[in-house]
Amino acid sequence: MMVAAIGPLYMAYRVRKRSQRLFALAMLLVAFTVTHGAYHLLEFVGLSYVAEVVFWPLGTVLLLCFGLLYWRTGV
């Protein structure tokens, strides 16, 4: 799951000077992907309490922020 963040990270690198909105969208997507990957990793390792209490709500907030920014941007 962590490898999936490479695509949005590369896109953020490419658009960082052209469009601040696209850069913010890409970075939110990277943050969500890494958080979601950490959630699954912690679940796999057996630290489900930490995964459920910290990473699940954080991932939800990041995904909602991404959706709101995407809605406002109108890309």
PDB file of N, CA and C in Angstrom:
ATOM      1  N   MET A   1       0.828  -1.191   0.000  1.00  0.00           N
ATOM      2  CA  MET A   1       0.000   0.000   0.000  1.00  0.00           C
ATOM      3  C   MET A   1       0.869   1.249   0.000  1.00  0.00           C
ATOM      4  N   MET A   2       2.006   1.175   0.619  1.00  0.00           N
ATOM      5  CA  MET A   2       2.888   2.350   0.652  1.00  0.00           C
ATOM      6  C   MET A   2       3.443   2.664  -0.735  1.00  0.00           C
ATOM      7  N   VAL A   3       3.612   1.650  -1.546  1.00  0.00           N
ATOM      8  CA  VAL A   3       4.139   1.846  -2.901  1.00  0.00           C
ATOM      9  C   VAL A   3       3.132   2.618  -3.748  1.00  0.00           C
ATOM     10  N   ALA A   4       1.860   2.518  -3.425  1.00  0.00           N
ATOM     11  CA  ALA A   4       0.830   3.225  -4.185  1.00  0.00           C
ATOM     12  C   ALA A   4       0.950   4.738  -4.055  1.00  0.00           C
ATOM     13  N   ALA A   5       1.682   5.222  -3.063  1.00  0.00           N
ATOM     14  CA  ALA A   5       1.852   6.661  -2.881  1.00  0.00           C
ATOM     15  C   ALA A   5       2.872   7.248  -3.846  1.00  0.00           C
ATOM     16  N   ILE A   6       3.613   6.409  -4.559  1.00  0.00           N
ATOM     17  CA  ILE A   6       4.654   6.912  -5.455  1.00  0.00           C
ATOM     18  C   ILE A   6       4.047   7.694  -6.619  1.00  0.00           C
ATOM     19  N   GLY A   7       2.934   7.212  -7.178  1.00  0.00           N
ATOM     20  CA  GLY A   7       2.298   7.897  -8.298  1.00  0.00           C
ATOM     21  C   GLY A   7       1.854   9.313  -7.956  1.00  0.00           C
ATOM     22  N   PRO A   8       1.035   9.488  -6.906  1.00  0.00           N
ATOM     23  CA  PRO A   8       0.637  10.849  -6.524  1.00  0.00           C
ATOM     24  C   PRO A   8       1.812  11.716  -6.078  1.00  0.00           C
ATOM     25  N   LEU A   9       2.830  11.100  -5.474  1.00  0.00           N
ATOM     26  CA  LEU A   9       4.001  11.863  -5.064  1.00  0.00           C
ATOM     27  C   LEU A   9       4.755  12.394  -6.273  1.00  0.00           C
ATOM     28  N   TYR A  10       4.885  11.583  -7.302  1.00  0.00           N
ATOM     29  CA  TYR A  10       5.528  12.033  -8.532  1.00  0.00           C
ATOM     30  C   TYR A  10       4.708  13.141  -9.199  1.00  0.00           C
ATOM     31  N   MET A  11       3.393  12.975  -9.195  1.00  0.00           N
ATOM     32  CA  MET A  11       2.537  14.007  -9.771  1.00  0.00           C
ATOM     33  C   MET A  11       2.667  15.320  -8.991  1.00  0.00           C
ATOM     34  N   ALA A  12       2.736  15.234  -7.676  1.00  0.00           N
ATOM     35  CA  ALA A  12       2.910  16.438  -6.857  1.00  0.00           C
ATOM     36  C   ALA A  12       4.232  17.114  -7.171  1.00  0.00           C
ATOM     37  N   TYR A  13       5.261  16.316  -7.378  1.00  0.00           N
ATOM     38  CA  TYR A  13       6.568  16.872  -7.727  1.00  0.00           C
ATOM     39  C   TYR A  13       6.512  17.607  -9.065  1.00  0.00           C
ATOM     40  N   ARG A  14       5.783  17.038 -10.020  1.00  0.00           N
ATOM     41  CA  ARG A  14       5.705  17.629 -11.362  1.00  0.00           C
ATOM     42  C   ARG A  14       4.875  18.915 -11.406  1.00  0.00           C
ATOM     43  N   VAL A  15       3.837  19.026 -10.584  1.00  0.00           N
ATOM     44  CA  VAL A  15       2.947  20.185 -10.664  1.00  0.00           C
ATOM     45  C   VAL A  15       3.170  21.190  -9.545  1.00  0.00           C
ATOM     46  N   ARG A  16       4.192  21.024  -8.745  1.00  0.00           N
ATOM     47  CA  ARG A  16       4.368  21.868  -7.562  1.00  0.00           C
ATOM     48  C   ARG A  16       4.511  23.347  -7.895  1.00  0.00           C
ATOM     49  N   LYS A  17       5.075  23.702  -9.031  1.00  0.00           N
ATOM     50  CA  LYS A  17       5.261  25.106  -9.380  1.00  0.00           C
ATOM     51  C   LYS A  17       4.164  25.628 -10.304  1.00  0.00           C
ATOM     52  N   ARG A  18       3.423  24.738 -10.928  1.00  0.00           N
ATOM     53  CA  ARG A  18       2.396  25.160 -11.889  1.00  0.00           C
ATOM     54  C   ARG A  18       1.063  25.467 -11.233  1.00  0.00           C
ATOM     55  N   SER A  19       0.644  24.621 -10.319  1.00  0.00           N
ATOM     56  CA  SER A  19      -0.686  24.770  -9.733  1.00  0.00           C
ATOM     57  C   SER A  19      -0.636  24.377  -8.261  1.00  0.00           C
ATOM     58  N   GLN A  20      -0.902  25.337  -7.399  1.00  0.00           N
ATOM     59  CA  GLN A  20      -0.899  25.059  -5.966  1.00  0.00           C
ATOM     60  C   GLN A  20      -2.061  24.159  -5.568  1.00  0.00           C
ATOM     61  N   ARG A  21      -3.190  24.280  -6.255  1.00  0.00           N
ATOM     62  CA  ARG A  21      -4.342  23.439  -5.931  1.00  0.00           C
ATOM     63  C   ARG A  21      -4.072  21.971  -6.272  1.00  0.00           C
ATOM     64  N   LEU A  22      -3.512  21.730  -7.453  1.00  0.00           N
ATOM     65  CA  LEU A  22      -3.193  20.350  -7.817  1.00  0.00           C
ATOM     66  C   LEU A  22      -2.113  19.776  -6.912  1.00  0.00           C
ATOM     67  N   PHE A  23      -1.171  20.609  -6.519  1.00  0.00           N
ATOM     68  CA  PHE A  23      -0.137  20.163  -5.588  1.00  0.00           C
ATOM     69  C   PHE A  23      -0.763  19.769  -4.250  1.00  0.00           C
ATOM     70  N   ALA A  24      -1.676  20.593  -3.752  1.00  0.00           N
ATOM     71  CA  ALA A  24      -2.334  20.285  -2.478  1.00  0.00           C
ATOM     72  C   ALA A  24      -3.166  19.013  -2.594  1.00  0.00           C
ATOM     73  N   LEU A  25      -3.870  18.843  -3.715  1.00  0.00           N
ATOM     74  CA  LEU A  25      -4.646  17.620  -3.922  1.00  0.00           C
ATOM     75  C   LEU A  25      -3.750  16.387  -3.935  1.00  0.00           C
ATOM     76  N   ALA A  26      -2.648  16.481  -4.660  1.00  0.00           N
ATOM     77  CA  ALA A  26      -1.743  15.339  -4.751  1.00  0.00           C
ATOM     78  C   ALA A  26      -1.124  15.015  -3.392  1.00  0.00           C
ATOM     79  N   MET A  27      -0.752  16.025  -2.624  1.00  0.00           N
ATOM     80  CA  MET A  27      -0.150  15.774  -1.318  1.00  0.00           C
ATOM     81  C   MET A  27      -1.166  15.198  -0.332  1.00  0.00           C
ATOM     82  N   LEU A  28      -2.423  15.636  -0.419  1.00  0.00           N
ATOM     83  CA  LEU A  28      -3.449  15.028   0.428  1.00  0.00           C
ATOM     84  C   LEU A  28      -3.666  13.569   0.050  1.00  0.00           C
ATOM     85  N   LEU A  29      -3.622  13.282  -1.229  1.00  0.00           N
ATOM     86  CA  LEU A  29      -3.769  11.894  -1.664  1.00  0.00           C
ATOM     87  C   LEU A  29      -2.584  11.040  -1.197  1.00  0.00           C
ATOM     88  N   VAL A  30      -1.386  11.602  -1.241  1.00  0.00           N
ATOM     89  CA  VAL A  30      -0.199  10.896  -0.733  1.00  0.00           C
ATOM     90  C   VAL A  30      -0.349  10.644   0.766  1.00  0.00           C
ATOM     91  N   ALA A  31      -0.759  11.664   1.508  1.00  0.00           N
ATOM     92  CA  ALA A  31      -0.904  11.512   2.956  1.00  0.00           C
ATOM     93  C   ALA A  31      -1.954  10.451   3.294  1.00  0.00           C
ATOM     94  N   PHE A  32      -3.070  10.459   2.563  1.00  0.00           N
ATOM     95  CA  PHE A  32      -4.092   9.444   2.803  1.00  0.00           C
ATOM     96  C   PHE A  32      -3.565   8.047   2.483  1.00  0.00           C
ATOM     97  N   THR A  33      -2.877   7.907   1.363  1.00  0.00           N
ATOM     98  CA  THR A  33      -2.382   6.591   0.958  1.00  0.00           C
ATOM     99  C   THR A  33      -1.380   6.040   1.969  1.00  0.00           C
ATOM    100  N   VAL A  34      -0.483   6.882   2.444  1.00  0.00           N
ATOM    101  CA  VAL A  34       0.499   6.437   3.437  1.00  0.00           C
ATOM    102  C   VAL A  34      -0.191   6.093   4.759  1.00  0.00           C
ATOM    103  N   THR A  35      -1.153   6.908   5.158  1.00  0.00           N
ATOM    104  CA  THR A  35      -1.890   6.639   6.392  1.00  0.00           C
ATOM    105  C   THR A  35      -2.684   5.340   6.288  1.00  0.00           C
ATOM    106  N   HIS A  36      -3.315   5.124   5.150  1.00  0.00           N
ATOM    107  CA  HIS A  36      -4.091   3.906   4.940  1.00  0.00           C
ATOM    108  C   HIS A  36      -3.171   2.674   4.914  1.00  0.00           C
ATOM    109  N   GLY A  37      -2.007   2.831   4.315  1.00  0.00           N
ATOM    110  CA  GLY A  37      -1.037   1.738   4.309  1.00  0.00           C
ATOM    111  C   GLY A  37      -0.537   1.417   5.710  1.00  0.00           C
ATOM    112  N   ALA A  38      -0.285   2.464   6.501  1.00  0.00           N
ATOM    113  CA  ALA A  38       0.153   2.254   7.886  1.00  0.00           C
ATOM    114  C   ALA A  38      -0.937   1.568   8.702  1.00  0.00           C
ATOM    115  N   TYR A  39      -2.183   1.924   8.432  1.00  0.00           N
ATOM    116  CA  TYR A  39      -3.306   1.268   9.105  1.00  0.00           C
ATOM    117  C   TYR A  39      -3.296  -0.235   8.835  1.00  0.00           C
ATOM    118  N   HIS A  40      -3.170  -0.608   7.571  1.00  0.00           N
ATOM    119  CA  HIS A  40      -3.175  -2.030   7.227  1.00  0.00           C
ATOM    120  C   HIS A  40      -1.939  -2.749   7.759  1.00  0.00           C
ATOM    121  N   LEU A  41      -0.807  -2.082   7.748  1.00  0.00           N
ATOM    122  CA  LEU A  41       0.421  -2.676   8.282  1.00  0.00           C
ATOM    123  C   LEU A  41       0.281  -2.946   9.778  1.00  0.00           C
ATOM    124  N   LEU A  42      -0.251  -1.980  10.508  1.00  0.00           N
ATOM    125  CA  LEU A  42      -0.431  -2.165  11.946  1.00  0.00           C
ATOM    126  C   LEU A  42      -1.468  -3.238  12.251  1.00  0.00           C
ATOM    127  N   GLU A  43      -2.510  -3.322  11.444  1.00  0.00           N
ATOM    128  CA  GLU A  43      -3.490  -4.402  11.611  1.00  0.00           C
ATOM    129  C   GLU A  43      -2.829  -5.761  11.395  1.00  0.00           C
ATOM    130  N   PHE A  44      -1.971  -5.839  10.392  1.00  0.00           N
ATOM    131  CA  PHE A  44      -1.297  -7.099  10.084  1.00  0.00           C
ATOM    132  C   PHE A  44      -0.340  -7.508  11.196  1.00  0.00           C
ATOM    133  N   VAL A  45       0.366  -6.539  11.757  1.00  0.00           N
ATOM    134  CA  VAL A  45       1.354  -6.815  12.804  1.00  0.00           C
ATOM    135  C   VAL A  45       0.670  -7.189  14.123  1.00  0.00           C
ATOM    136  N   GLY A  46      -0.559  -6.740  14.300  1.00  0.00           N
ATOM    137  CA  GLY A  46      -1.261  -7.071  15.526  1.00  0.00           C
ATOM    138  C   GLY A  46      -1.505  -5.891  16.438  1.00  0.00           C
ATOM    139  N   LEU A  47      -1.187  -4.723  15.983  1.00  0.00           N
ATOM    140  CA  LEU A  47      -1.428  -3.512  16.767  1.00  0.00           C
ATOM    141  C   LEU A  47      -2.745  -2.876  16.325  1.00  0.00           C
ATOM    142  N   SER A  48      -3.795  -3.649  16.406  1.00  0.00           N
ATOM    143  CA  SER A  48      -5.078  -3.187  15.877  1.00  0.00           C
ATOM    144  C   SER A  48      -5.650  -2.022  16.682  1.00  0.00           C
ATOM    145  N   TYR A  49      -5.324  -1.944  17.966  1.00  0.00           N
ATOM    146  CA  TYR A  49      -5.843  -0.826  18.767  1.00  0.00           C
ATOM    147  C   TYR A  49      -5.281   0.500  18.261  1.00  0.00           C
ATOM    148  N   VAL A  50      -3.982   0.540  18.033  1.00  0.00           N
ATOM    149  CA  VAL A  50      -3.352   1.765  17.519  1.00  0.00           C
ATOM    150  C   VAL A  50      -3.880   2.085  16.126  1.00  0.00           C
ATOM    151  N   ALA A  51      -4.050   1.061  15.310  1.00  0.00           N
ATOM    152  CA  ALA A  51      -4.556   1.263  13.955  1.00  0.00           C
ATOM    153  C   ALA A  51      -5.970   1.842  13.989  1.00  0.00           C
ATOM    154  N   GLU A  52      -6.813   1.301  14.841  1.00  0.00           N
ATOM    155  CA  GLU A  52      -8.208   1.752  14.904  1.00  0.00           C
ATOM    156  C   GLU A  52      -8.352   3.126  15.538  1.00  0.00           C
ATOM    157  N   VAL A  53      -7.533   3.421  16.548  1.00  0.00           N
ATOM    158  CA  VAL A  53      -7.696   4.672  17.290  1.00  0.00           C
ATOM    159  C   VAL A  53      -6.990   5.839  16.614  1.00  0.00           C
ATOM    160  N   VAL A  54      -5.848   5.597  15.994  1.00  0.00           N
ATOM    161  CA  VAL A  54      -5.061   6.693  15.425  1.00  0.00           C
ATOM    162  C   VAL A  54      -5.204   6.786  13.910  1.00  0.00           C
ATOM    163  N   PHE A  55      -4.917   5.705  13.214  1.00  0.00           N
ATOM    164  CA  PHE A  55      -4.783   5.788  11.766  1.00  0.00           C
ATOM    165  C   PHE A  55      -6.102   5.738  11.010  1.00  0.00           C
ATOM    166  N   TRP A  56      -7.113   5.043  11.531  1.00  0.00           N
ATOM    167  CA  TRP A  56      -8.392   5.031  10.837  1.00  0.00           C
ATOM    168  C   TRP A  56      -9.050   6.410  10.841  1.00  0.00           C
ATOM    169  N   PRO A  57      -9.140   7.103  12.003  1.00  0.00           N
ATOM    170  CA  PRO A  57      -9.733   8.450  11.974  1.00  0.00           C
ATOM    171  C   PRO A  57      -8.888   9.452  11.174  1.00  0.00           C
ATOM    172  N   LEU A  58      -7.569   9.326  11.266  1.00  0.00           N
ATOM    173  CA  LEU A  58      -6.699  10.229  10.512  1.00  0.00           C
ATOM    174  C   LEU A  58      -6.897  10.040   9.010  1.00  0.00           C
ATOM    175  N   GLY A  59      -6.972   8.806   8.580  1.00  0.00           N
ATOM    176  CA  GLY A  59      -7.213   8.535   7.167  1.00  0.00           C
ATOM    177  C   GLY A  59      -8.571   9.043   6.705  1.00  0.00           C
ATOM    178  N   THR A  60      -9.572   8.917   7.562  1.00  0.00           N
ATOM    179  CA  THR A  60     -10.903   9.412   7.226  1.00  0.00           C
ATOM    180  C   THR A  60     -10.897  10.927   7.069  1.00  0.00           C
ATOM    181  N   VAL A  61     -10.245  11.618   7.982  1.00  0.00           N
ATOM    182  CA  VAL A  61     -10.160  13.086   7.902  1.00  0.00           C
ATOM    183  C   VAL A  61      -9.399  13.507   6.644  1.00  0.00           C
ATOM    184  N   LEU A  62      -8.299  12.840   6.348  1.00  0.00           N
ATOM    185  CA  LEU A  62      -7.531  13.188   5.153  1.00  0.00           C
ATOM    186  C   LEU A  62      -8.334  12.947   3.878  1.00  0.00           C
ATOM    187  N   LEU A  63      -9.075  11.852   3.828  1.00  0.00           N
ATOM    188  CA  LEU A  63      -9.890  11.568   2.647  1.00  0.00           C
ATOM    189  C   LEU A  63     -11.025  12.583   2.497  1.00  0.00           C
ATOM    190  N   LEU A  64     -11.635  12.984   3.610  1.00  0.00           N
ATOM    191  CA  LEU A  64     -12.670  14.011   3.543  1.00  0.00           C
ATOM    192  C   LEU A  64     -12.098  15.356   3.108  1.00  0.00           C
ATOM    193  N   CYS A  65     -10.922  15.709   3.607  1.00  0.00           N
ATOM    194  CA  CYS A  65     -10.271  16.952   3.180  1.00  0.00           C
ATOM    195  C   CYS A  65      -9.942  16.910   1.694  1.00  0.00           C
ATOM    196  N   PHE A  66      -9.479  15.762   1.226  1.00  0.00           N
ATOM    197  CA  PHE A  66      -9.207  15.606  -0.198  1.00  0.00           C
ATOM    198  C   PHE A  66     -10.484  15.800  -1.009  1.00  0.00           C
ATOM    199  N   GLY A  67     -11.559  15.183  -0.591  1.00  0.00           N
ATOM    200  CA  GLY A  67     -12.828  15.309  -1.309  1.00  0.00           C
ATOM    201  C   GLY A  67     -13.347  16.732  -1.320  1.00  0.00           C
ATOM    202  N   LEU A  68     -13.259  17.418  -0.191  1.00  0.00           N
ATOM    203  CA  LEU A  68     -13.716  18.811  -0.135  1.00  0.00           C
ATOM    204  C   LEU A  68     -12.863  19.718  -1.008  1.00  0.00           C
ATOM    205  N   LEU A  69     -11.553  19.530  -0.972  1.00  0.00           N
ATOM    206  CA  LEU A  69     -10.677  20.356  -1.807  1.00  0.00           C
ATOM    207  C   LEU A  69     -10.899  20.049  -3.285  1.00  0.00           C
ATOM    208  N   TYR A  70     -11.116  18.795  -3.618  1.00  0.00           N
ATOM    209  CA  TYR A  70     -11.398  18.417  -4.998  1.00  0.00           C
ATOM    210  C   TYR A  70     -12.723  19.045  -5.451  1.00  0.00           C
ATOM    211  N   TRP A  71     -13.708  19.039  -4.584  1.00  0.00           N
ATOM    212  CA  TRP A  71     -15.005  19.626  -4.898  1.00  0.00           C
ATOM    213  C   TRP A  71     -14.883  21.132  -5.105  1.00  0.00           C
ATOM    214  N   ARG A  72     -14.115  21.807  -4.241  1.00  0.00           N
ATOM    215  CA  ARG A  72     -13.923  23.260  -4.360  1.00  0.00           C
ATOM    216  C   ARG A  72     -13.081  23.628  -5.570  1.00  0.00           C
ATOM    217  N   THR A  73     -12.107  22.777  -5.910  1.00  0.00           N
ATOM    218  CA  THR A  73     -11.216  23.099  -7.011  1.00  0.00           C
ATOM    219  C   THR A  73     -11.927  22.932  -8.349  1.00  0.00           C
ATOM    220  N   GLY A  74     -12.704  21.906  -8.487  1.00  0.00           N
ATOM    221  CA  GLY A  74     -13.417  21.672  -9.731  1.00  0.00           C
ATOM    222  C   GLY A  74     -12.528  21.220 -10.856  1.00  0.00           C
ATOM    223  N   VAL A  75     -11.546  20.419 -10.539  1.00  0.00           N
ATOM    224  CA  VAL A  75     -10.615  19.927 -11.559  1.00  0.00           C
ATOM    225  C   VAL A  75     -11.279  18.890 -12.409  1.00  0.00           C
TER     226      VAL A  75
END
